[in-house]
N, C-alpha and C. Protein backbone atom coordinates (compact mmCIF):
# COMPACT_ATOMS: atom_id res chain seq x y z
N MET A 1 -28.52 5.77 9.35
CA MET A 1 -27.59 5.82 8.23
C MET A 1 -28.39 5.82 6.92
N THR A 2 -27.98 6.64 6.03
CA THR A 2 -28.65 6.66 4.75
C THR A 2 -27.93 5.75 3.77
N LEU A 3 -28.61 5.42 2.71
CA LEU A 3 -28.03 4.55 1.70
C LEU A 3 -26.82 5.22 1.04
N GLY A 4 -26.88 6.52 0.84
CA GLY A 4 -25.76 7.25 0.25
C GLY A 4 -24.51 7.18 1.12
N PHE A 5 -24.69 7.26 2.43
CA PHE A 5 -23.56 7.17 3.35
C PHE A 5 -22.91 5.78 3.29
N ILE A 6 -23.74 4.75 3.25
CA ILE A 6 -23.23 3.37 3.17
C ILE A 6 -22.48 3.16 1.86
N ILE A 7 -23.02 3.67 0.78
CA ILE A 7 -22.34 3.55 -0.52
C ILE A 7 -21.02 4.30 -0.50
N ALA A 8 -20.99 5.47 0.12
CA ALA A 8 -19.74 6.24 0.22
C ALA A 8 -18.69 5.48 1.02
N ILE A 9 -19.09 4.83 2.11
CA ILE A 9 -18.15 4.03 2.91
C ILE A 9 -17.60 2.88 2.08
N LEU A 10 -18.46 2.20 1.32
CA LEU A 10 -18.00 1.09 0.49
C LEU A 10 -17.03 1.55 -0.60
N ILE A 11 -17.33 2.68 -1.22
CA ILE A 11 -16.42 3.21 -2.26
C ILE A 11 -15.09 3.61 -1.63
N TRP A 12 -15.14 4.29 -0.49
CA TRP A 12 -13.92 4.70 0.22
C TRP A 12 -13.09 3.47 0.60
N GLY A 13 -13.74 2.44 1.11
CA GLY A 13 -13.04 1.21 1.48
C GLY A 13 -12.40 0.55 0.27
N PHE A 14 -13.10 0.53 -0.84
CA PHE A 14 -12.55 -0.08 -2.06
C PHE A 14 -11.33 0.69 -2.55
N ILE A 15 -11.38 2.02 -2.52
CA ILE A 15 -10.25 2.84 -2.97
C ILE A 15 -9.05 2.65 -2.05
N ILE A 16 -9.25 2.75 -0.75
CA ILE A 16 -8.14 2.58 0.21
C ILE A 16 -7.58 1.17 0.14
N GLY A 17 -8.44 0.16 0.08
CA GLY A 17 -7.98 -1.23 -0.02
C GLY A 17 -7.21 -1.48 -1.31
N GLY A 18 -7.69 -0.93 -2.42
CA GLY A 18 -6.98 -1.08 -3.69
C GLY A 18 -5.61 -0.43 -3.67
N LEU A 19 -5.53 0.76 -3.09
CA LEU A 19 -4.22 1.44 -2.99
C LEU A 19 -3.27 0.66 -2.09
N ALA A 20 -3.79 0.09 -1.02
CA ALA A 20 -2.95 -0.70 -0.11
C ALA A 20 -2.44 -1.95 -0.82
N ARG A 21 -3.29 -2.60 -1.59
CA ARG A 21 -2.85 -3.79 -2.34
C ARG A 21 -1.81 -3.40 -3.38
N PHE A 22 -1.97 -2.25 -3.99
CA PHE A 22 -1.02 -1.77 -4.99
C PHE A 22 0.34 -1.43 -4.36
N ALA A 23 0.35 -1.00 -3.10
CA ALA A 23 1.58 -0.59 -2.43
C ALA A 23 2.49 -1.75 -2.07
N ILE A 24 1.93 -2.94 -1.90
CA ILE A 24 2.71 -4.12 -1.52
C ILE A 24 3.05 -4.89 -2.79
N PRO A 25 4.33 -5.17 -3.04
CA PRO A 25 4.70 -5.85 -4.29
C PRO A 25 4.19 -7.29 -4.35
N GLY A 26 3.89 -7.73 -5.56
CA GLY A 26 3.45 -9.10 -5.78
C GLY A 26 1.94 -9.21 -5.87
N PRO A 27 1.46 -10.33 -6.38
CA PRO A 27 0.01 -10.52 -6.54
C PRO A 27 -0.68 -10.82 -5.21
N ASP A 28 -1.85 -10.28 -5.07
CA ASP A 28 -2.71 -10.55 -3.91
C ASP A 28 -4.10 -10.87 -4.41
N PRO A 29 -4.31 -12.08 -4.94
CA PRO A 29 -5.65 -12.39 -5.44
C PRO A 29 -6.65 -12.48 -4.29
N MET A 30 -7.65 -11.63 -4.37
CA MET A 30 -8.74 -11.64 -3.39
C MET A 30 -9.95 -11.01 -4.05
N PRO A 31 -11.15 -11.35 -3.60
CA PRO A 31 -12.35 -10.79 -4.21
C PRO A 31 -12.51 -9.30 -3.86
N ILE A 32 -13.39 -8.65 -4.60
CA ILE A 32 -13.64 -7.22 -4.39
C ILE A 32 -14.13 -6.95 -2.98
N TRP A 33 -14.96 -7.83 -2.44
CA TRP A 33 -15.47 -7.59 -1.09
C TRP A 33 -14.34 -7.61 -0.06
N MET A 34 -13.31 -8.44 -0.30
CA MET A 34 -12.18 -8.51 0.64
C MET A 34 -11.34 -7.22 0.55
N THR A 35 -11.14 -6.73 -0.67
CA THR A 35 -10.43 -5.47 -0.85
C THR A 35 -11.16 -4.34 -0.12
N THR A 36 -12.48 -4.31 -0.26
CA THR A 36 -13.29 -3.29 0.41
C THR A 36 -13.22 -3.45 1.93
N ALA A 37 -13.29 -4.68 2.42
CA ALA A 37 -13.21 -4.93 3.86
C ALA A 37 -11.85 -4.51 4.41
N ILE A 38 -10.79 -4.77 3.67
CA ILE A 38 -9.46 -4.35 4.11
C ILE A 38 -9.37 -2.83 4.14
N GLY A 39 -9.95 -2.18 3.16
CA GLY A 39 -9.95 -0.71 3.15
C GLY A 39 -10.73 -0.12 4.31
N ILE A 40 -11.90 -0.67 4.59
CA ILE A 40 -12.72 -0.18 5.70
C ILE A 40 -12.02 -0.47 7.03
N GLY A 41 -11.50 -1.68 7.18
CA GLY A 41 -10.77 -2.03 8.41
C GLY A 41 -9.54 -1.16 8.60
N GLY A 42 -8.81 -0.93 7.52
CA GLY A 42 -7.64 -0.06 7.60
C GLY A 42 -8.01 1.36 7.98
N SER A 43 -9.14 1.84 7.47
CA SER A 43 -9.61 3.17 7.83
C SER A 43 -9.96 3.25 9.31
N LEU A 44 -10.59 2.20 9.83
CA LEU A 44 -10.91 2.18 11.26
C LEU A 44 -9.64 2.17 12.11
N ILE A 45 -8.70 1.31 11.74
CA ILE A 45 -7.43 1.25 12.48
C ILE A 45 -6.70 2.59 12.39
N GLY A 46 -6.62 3.12 11.18
CA GLY A 46 -5.94 4.41 10.99
C GLY A 46 -6.62 5.54 11.73
N GLY A 47 -7.96 5.53 11.77
CA GLY A 47 -8.69 6.56 12.50
C GLY A 47 -8.44 6.50 14.00
N ILE A 48 -8.38 5.29 14.53
CA ILE A 48 -8.10 5.13 15.96
C ILE A 48 -6.69 5.60 16.29
N VAL A 49 -5.72 5.19 15.48
CA VAL A 49 -4.33 5.60 15.72
C VAL A 49 -4.18 7.12 15.57
N SER A 50 -4.81 7.68 14.55
CA SER A 50 -4.74 9.13 14.34
C SER A 50 -5.38 9.88 15.50
N ARG A 51 -6.50 9.38 16.00
CA ARG A 51 -7.17 10.03 17.13
C ARG A 51 -6.30 9.97 18.39
N LEU A 52 -5.65 8.81 18.62
CA LEU A 52 -4.80 8.68 19.80
C LEU A 52 -3.56 9.56 19.72
N LEU A 53 -2.97 9.67 18.54
CA LEU A 53 -1.73 10.43 18.41
C LEU A 53 -1.94 11.93 18.25
N PHE A 54 -2.98 12.31 17.48
CA PHE A 54 -3.12 13.73 17.12
C PHE A 54 -4.46 14.34 17.49
N GLY A 55 -5.40 13.54 17.96
CA GLY A 55 -6.70 14.06 18.32
C GLY A 55 -7.64 14.26 17.14
N ALA A 56 -7.20 13.92 15.94
CA ALA A 56 -8.04 14.07 14.75
C ALA A 56 -8.30 12.68 14.16
N PRO A 57 -9.57 12.25 14.07
CA PRO A 57 -9.84 10.88 13.62
C PRO A 57 -9.77 10.70 12.11
N GLU A 58 -9.80 11.77 11.32
CA GLU A 58 -9.83 11.59 9.88
C GLU A 58 -8.47 11.90 9.26
N SER A 59 -7.94 10.92 8.57
CA SER A 59 -6.66 11.09 7.92
C SER A 59 -6.51 10.03 6.84
N PHE A 60 -6.37 10.46 5.60
CA PHE A 60 -6.16 9.55 4.49
C PHE A 60 -4.88 8.75 4.70
N PHE A 61 -3.84 9.40 5.17
CA PHE A 61 -2.54 8.75 5.37
C PHE A 61 -2.64 7.59 6.36
N PHE A 62 -3.29 7.81 7.48
CA PHE A 62 -3.40 6.76 8.49
C PHE A 62 -4.36 5.66 8.03
N ALA A 63 -5.39 6.01 7.29
CA ALA A 63 -6.28 4.98 6.73
C ALA A 63 -5.50 4.10 5.77
N PHE A 64 -4.67 4.71 4.94
CA PHE A 64 -3.84 3.96 4.00
C PHE A 64 -2.86 3.05 4.74
N LEU A 65 -2.19 3.57 5.76
CA LEU A 65 -1.24 2.75 6.53
C LEU A 65 -1.93 1.60 7.24
N GLY A 66 -3.11 1.83 7.77
CA GLY A 66 -3.86 0.75 8.41
C GLY A 66 -4.23 -0.34 7.41
N ALA A 67 -4.63 0.06 6.20
CA ALA A 67 -4.97 -0.92 5.17
C ALA A 67 -3.74 -1.68 4.69
N VAL A 68 -2.60 -1.00 4.58
CA VAL A 68 -1.36 -1.68 4.20
C VAL A 68 -1.01 -2.73 5.26
N LEU A 69 -1.17 -2.38 6.52
CA LEU A 69 -0.92 -3.34 7.59
C LEU A 69 -1.82 -4.57 7.45
N LEU A 70 -3.09 -4.36 7.13
CA LEU A 70 -4.01 -5.49 6.97
C LEU A 70 -3.65 -6.34 5.75
N VAL A 71 -3.18 -5.72 4.67
CA VAL A 71 -2.75 -6.50 3.50
C VAL A 71 -1.53 -7.35 3.86
N ILE A 72 -0.60 -6.77 4.61
CA ILE A 72 0.58 -7.52 5.04
C ILE A 72 0.17 -8.72 5.90
N LEU A 73 -0.72 -8.49 6.86
CA LEU A 73 -1.18 -9.57 7.72
C LEU A 73 -1.95 -10.63 6.93
N TYR A 74 -2.75 -10.19 5.96
CA TYR A 74 -3.50 -11.13 5.11
C TYR A 74 -2.53 -12.01 4.33
N ARG A 75 -1.51 -11.40 3.75
CA ARG A 75 -0.56 -12.18 2.95
C ARG A 75 0.22 -13.15 3.83
N LYS A 76 0.62 -12.71 5.00
CA LYS A 76 1.44 -13.54 5.87
C LYS A 76 0.65 -14.69 6.50
N TYR A 77 -0.55 -14.40 7.02
CA TYR A 77 -1.27 -15.40 7.80
C TYR A 77 -2.36 -16.14 7.03
N VAL A 78 -2.89 -15.58 5.97
CA VAL A 78 -3.92 -16.26 5.19
C VAL A 78 -3.30 -16.93 3.97
N GLN A 79 -2.48 -16.18 3.23
CA GLN A 79 -1.86 -16.73 2.03
C GLN A 79 -0.57 -17.49 2.34
N HIS A 80 -0.02 -17.32 3.50
CA HIS A 80 1.22 -17.97 3.94
C HIS A 80 2.36 -17.71 2.95
N ARG A 81 2.55 -16.43 2.63
CA ARG A 81 3.62 -16.02 1.72
C ARG A 81 4.41 -14.90 2.37
N PRO A 82 5.67 -14.73 1.94
CA PRO A 82 6.43 -13.60 2.47
C PRO A 82 5.89 -12.28 1.91
N VAL A 83 6.13 -11.20 2.63
CA VAL A 83 5.65 -9.90 2.21
C VAL A 83 6.61 -9.27 1.21
N TRP A 84 7.89 -9.39 1.46
CA TRP A 84 8.90 -8.84 0.56
C TRP A 84 9.89 -9.93 0.20
N GLY A 85 10.67 -9.68 -0.81
CA GLY A 85 11.69 -10.63 -1.22
C GLY A 85 11.26 -11.43 -2.44
N GLU A 86 12.01 -12.47 -2.71
CA GLU A 86 11.80 -13.26 -3.91
C GLU A 86 10.46 -13.99 -3.90
N GLY A 87 10.05 -14.52 -2.79
CA GLY A 87 8.79 -15.27 -2.72
C GLY A 87 7.55 -14.42 -2.79
N ALA A 88 7.69 -13.10 -2.63
CA ALA A 88 6.53 -12.21 -2.64
C ALA A 88 5.94 -12.06 -4.03
N ARG A 89 6.73 -12.25 -5.05
CA ARG A 89 6.25 -12.05 -6.41
C ARG A 89 5.60 -13.28 -7.03
N ARG A 90 5.71 -14.42 -6.36
CA ARG A 90 5.08 -15.63 -6.91
C ARG A 90 3.62 -15.66 -6.47
N PRO A 91 2.76 -16.24 -7.30
CA PRO A 91 1.35 -16.33 -6.90
C PRO A 91 1.18 -17.27 -5.72
N PRO A 92 0.16 -17.07 -4.90
CA PRO A 92 -0.06 -17.96 -3.76
C PRO A 92 -0.51 -19.33 -4.23
N THR A 93 -0.12 -20.33 -3.47
CA THR A 93 -0.57 -21.69 -3.76
C THR A 93 -1.88 -21.94 -3.03
N VAL A 94 -2.72 -22.70 -3.62
CA VAL A 94 -4.05 -22.94 -3.04
C VAL A 94 -4.03 -24.13 -2.13
């Protein structure tokens, strides 16, 4: 792996993770590395699902959906907050 490839993966993960965080209403305070990790993880999940369903591993749409799923799971199980509704817009308690 070259350094350029690793940087491209990190940038792609940050973009996908940021879009996924933007898609779910309410605040999701997390560090940049967590946003990037969610984007990369979502891309892996989306790539696997896309490969199983359509035979093509690359898809922005499935990467985005995988990252949205990870943001939902992060909010529910790490932040212990609802995903939608009235409680979704309040900041998480520490």
